[in-house]
Amino acid sequence: MASEKFKEWVRVTPRDKRQHVADTARTSVAFLGHLASGYRNASSQLAARVETAAEGELTRADVNDTCASCPYFQKCQNPESK
């Protein structure tokens, strides 16, 4: 399930920006919409590509629950925590 941040990003981001992210992440705008609606789930690989394509606007954890719960990802996000 996608995060509320990702759902909001899909809702408010202009079509051309969503198209750029989709193209760069090797997916489609429609599929981003499916991910945001919960109709489909992103693989960790797709979530990583979306994170890169979104250029800091999203993280892989916003797109994929498994990434969100990954202790390695959490440690990267909070390097001070052990």
C-alpha atoms as a PDB file:
ATOM      1  CA  MET A   1       0.000   0.000   0.000  1.00  0.00           C
ATOM      2  CA  ALA A   2       1.314   3.419  -0.911  1.00  0.00           C
ATOM      3  CA  SER A   3       1.811   6.131   1.688  1.00  0.00           C
ATOM      4  CA  GLU A   4      -0.437   9.145   2.021  1.00  0.00           C
ATOM      5  CA  LYS A   5       2.503  11.244   0.828  1.00  0.00           C
ATOM      6  CA  PHE A   6       2.667   9.272  -2.446  1.00  0.00           C
ATOM      7  CA  LYS A   7      -1.112   9.433  -2.907  1.00  0.00           C
ATOM      8  CA  GLU A   8      -1.015  13.205  -2.452  1.00  0.00           C
ATOM      9  CA  TRP A   9       1.992  13.501  -4.794  1.00  0.00           C
ATOM     10  CA  VAL A  10       0.116  11.657  -7.547  1.00  0.00           C
ATOM     11  CA  ARG A  11      -2.962  13.798  -6.946  1.00  0.00           C
ATOM     12  CA  VAL A  12      -1.275  17.231  -7.038  1.00  0.00           C
ATOM     13  CA  THR A  13       1.736  16.754  -9.311  1.00  0.00           C
ATOM     14  CA  PRO A  14       1.278  18.091 -12.833  1.00  0.00           C
ATOM     15  CA  ARG A  15       0.867  15.494 -15.576  1.00  0.00           C
ATOM     16  CA  ASP A  16       4.165  16.376 -17.276  1.00  0.00           C
ATOM     17  CA  LYS A  17       6.116  15.813 -14.034  1.00  0.00           C
ATOM     18  CA  ARG A  18       4.311  12.510 -13.406  1.00  0.00           C
ATOM     19  CA  GLN A  19       5.079  11.541 -17.015  1.00  0.00           C
ATOM     20  CA  HIS A  20       8.762  12.352 -16.517  1.00  0.00           C
ATOM     21  CA  VAL A  21       8.920  10.261 -13.323  1.00  0.00           C
ATOM     22  CA  ALA A  22       7.050   7.389 -14.973  1.00  0.00           C
ATOM     23  CA  ASP A  23       9.303   7.432 -18.047  1.00  0.00           C
ATOM     24  CA  THR A  24      12.474   7.619 -15.969  1.00  0.00           C
ATOM     25  CA  ALA A  25      11.255   4.822 -13.675  1.00  0.00           C
ATOM     26  CA  ARG A  26      10.296   2.724 -16.723  1.00  0.00           C
ATOM     27  CA  THR A  27       6.594   2.553 -15.901  1.00  0.00           C
ATOM     28  CA  SER A  28       3.457   4.495 -16.881  1.00  0.00           C
ATOM     29  CA  VAL A  29       1.480   7.335 -15.359  1.00  0.00           C
ATOM     30  CA  ALA A  30      -1.508   4.994 -15.204  1.00  0.00           C
ATOM     31  CA  PHE A  31       0.507   2.474 -13.194  1.00  0.00           C
ATOM     32  CA  LEU A  32       1.587   5.214 -10.768  1.00  0.00           C
ATOM     33  CA  GLY A  33      -2.116   5.917 -10.312  1.00  0.00           C
ATOM     34  CA  HIS A  34      -2.781   2.217  -9.687  1.00  0.00           C
ATOM     35  CA  LEU A  35      -0.046   2.205  -7.046  1.00  0.00           C
ATOM     36  CA  ALA A  36      -1.441   5.302  -5.356  1.00  0.00           C
ATOM     37  CA  SER A  37      -4.961   3.882  -5.301  1.00  0.00           C
ATOM     38  CA  GLY A  38      -3.816   0.561  -3.852  1.00  0.00           C
ATOM     39  CA  TYR A  39      -5.029  -1.341  -6.915  1.00  0.00           C
ATOM     40  CA  ARG A  40      -1.469  -2.561  -7.494  1.00  0.00           C
ATOM     41  CA  ASN A  41       1.650  -2.878  -5.357  1.00  0.00           C
ATOM     42  CA  ALA A  42       5.120  -1.749  -6.383  1.00  0.00           C
ATOM     43  CA  SER A  43       8.097  -4.063  -6.289  1.00  0.00           C
ATOM     44  CA  SER A  44      11.069  -2.855  -4.305  1.00  0.00           C
ATOM     45  CA  GLN A  45      12.929  -2.382  -7.596  1.00  0.00           C
ATOM     46  CA  LEU A  46      10.183  -0.137  -9.004  1.00  0.00           C
ATOM     47  CA  ALA A  47      10.009   1.785  -5.720  1.00  0.00           C
ATOM     48  CA  ALA A  48      13.746   2.451  -5.967  1.00  0.00           C
ATOM     49  CA  ARG A  49      13.400   3.647  -9.571  1.00  0.00           C
ATOM     50  CA  VAL A  50      10.526   5.976  -8.605  1.00  0.00           C
ATOM     51  CA  GLU A  51      12.597   7.349  -5.714  1.00  0.00           C
ATOM     52  CA  THR A  52      15.463   8.131  -8.105  1.00  0.00           C
ATOM     53  CA  ALA A  53      13.163   9.561 -10.779  1.00  0.00           C
ATOM     54  CA  ALA A  54      11.307  11.793  -8.300  1.00  0.00           C
ATOM     55  CA  GLU A  55      14.580  13.535  -7.439  1.00  0.00           C
ATOM     56  CA  GLY A  56      14.026  13.868  -3.704  1.00  0.00           C
ATOM     57  CA  GLU A  57      10.257  14.379  -3.723  1.00  0.00           C
ATOM     58  CA  LEU A  58       9.564  10.747  -2.753  1.00  0.00           C
ATOM     59  CA  THR A  59      11.363   7.871  -1.117  1.00  0.00           C
ATOM     60  CA  ARG A  60      11.041   4.194  -1.919  1.00  0.00           C
ATOM     61  CA  ALA A  61       9.226   3.818   1.407  1.00  0.00           C
ATOM     62  CA  ASP A  62       6.479   6.124   0.123  1.00  0.00           C
ATOM     63  CA  VAL A  63       5.808   3.688  -2.700  1.00  0.00           C
ATOM     64  CA  ASN A  64       6.435   0.254  -1.112  1.00  0.00           C
ATOM     65  CA  ASP A  65       5.464  -1.018   2.354  1.00  0.00           C
ATOM     66  CA  THR A  66       8.292  -3.540   2.476  1.00  0.00           C
ATOM     67  CA  CYS A  67      10.826  -0.786   1.912  1.00  0.00           C
ATOM     68  CA  ALA A  68       9.115   1.298   4.589  1.00  0.00           C
ATOM     69  CA  SER A  69       9.551  -1.477   7.146  1.00  0.00           C
ATOM     70  CA  CYS A  70      13.122  -2.386   6.134  1.00  0.00           C
ATOM     71  CA  PRO A  71      15.536  -1.790   9.016  1.00  0.00           C
ATOM     72  CA  TYR A  72      18.337  -0.955   6.577  1.00  0.00           C
ATOM     73  CA  PHE A  73      16.236   1.746   4.914  1.00  0.00           C
ATOM     74  CA  GLN A  74      15.209   3.111   8.305  1.00  0.00           C
ATOM     75  CA  LYS A  75      18.857   3.251   9.387  1.00  0.00           C
ATOM     76  CA  CYS A  76      19.777   5.128   6.181  1.00  0.00           C
ATOM     77  CA  GLN A  77      17.003   7.634   6.873  1.00  0.00           C
ATOM     78  CA  ASN A  78      18.065   8.039  10.527  1.00  0.00           C
ATOM     79  CA  PRO A  79      21.827   7.425  10.667  1.00  0.00           C
ATOM     80  CA  GLU A  80      22.021   8.466  14.344  1.00  0.00           C
ATOM     81  CA  SER A  81      19.730   5.612  15.432  1.00  0.00           C
ATOM     82  CA  LYS A  82      21.287   2.226  16.111  1.00  0.00           C
END
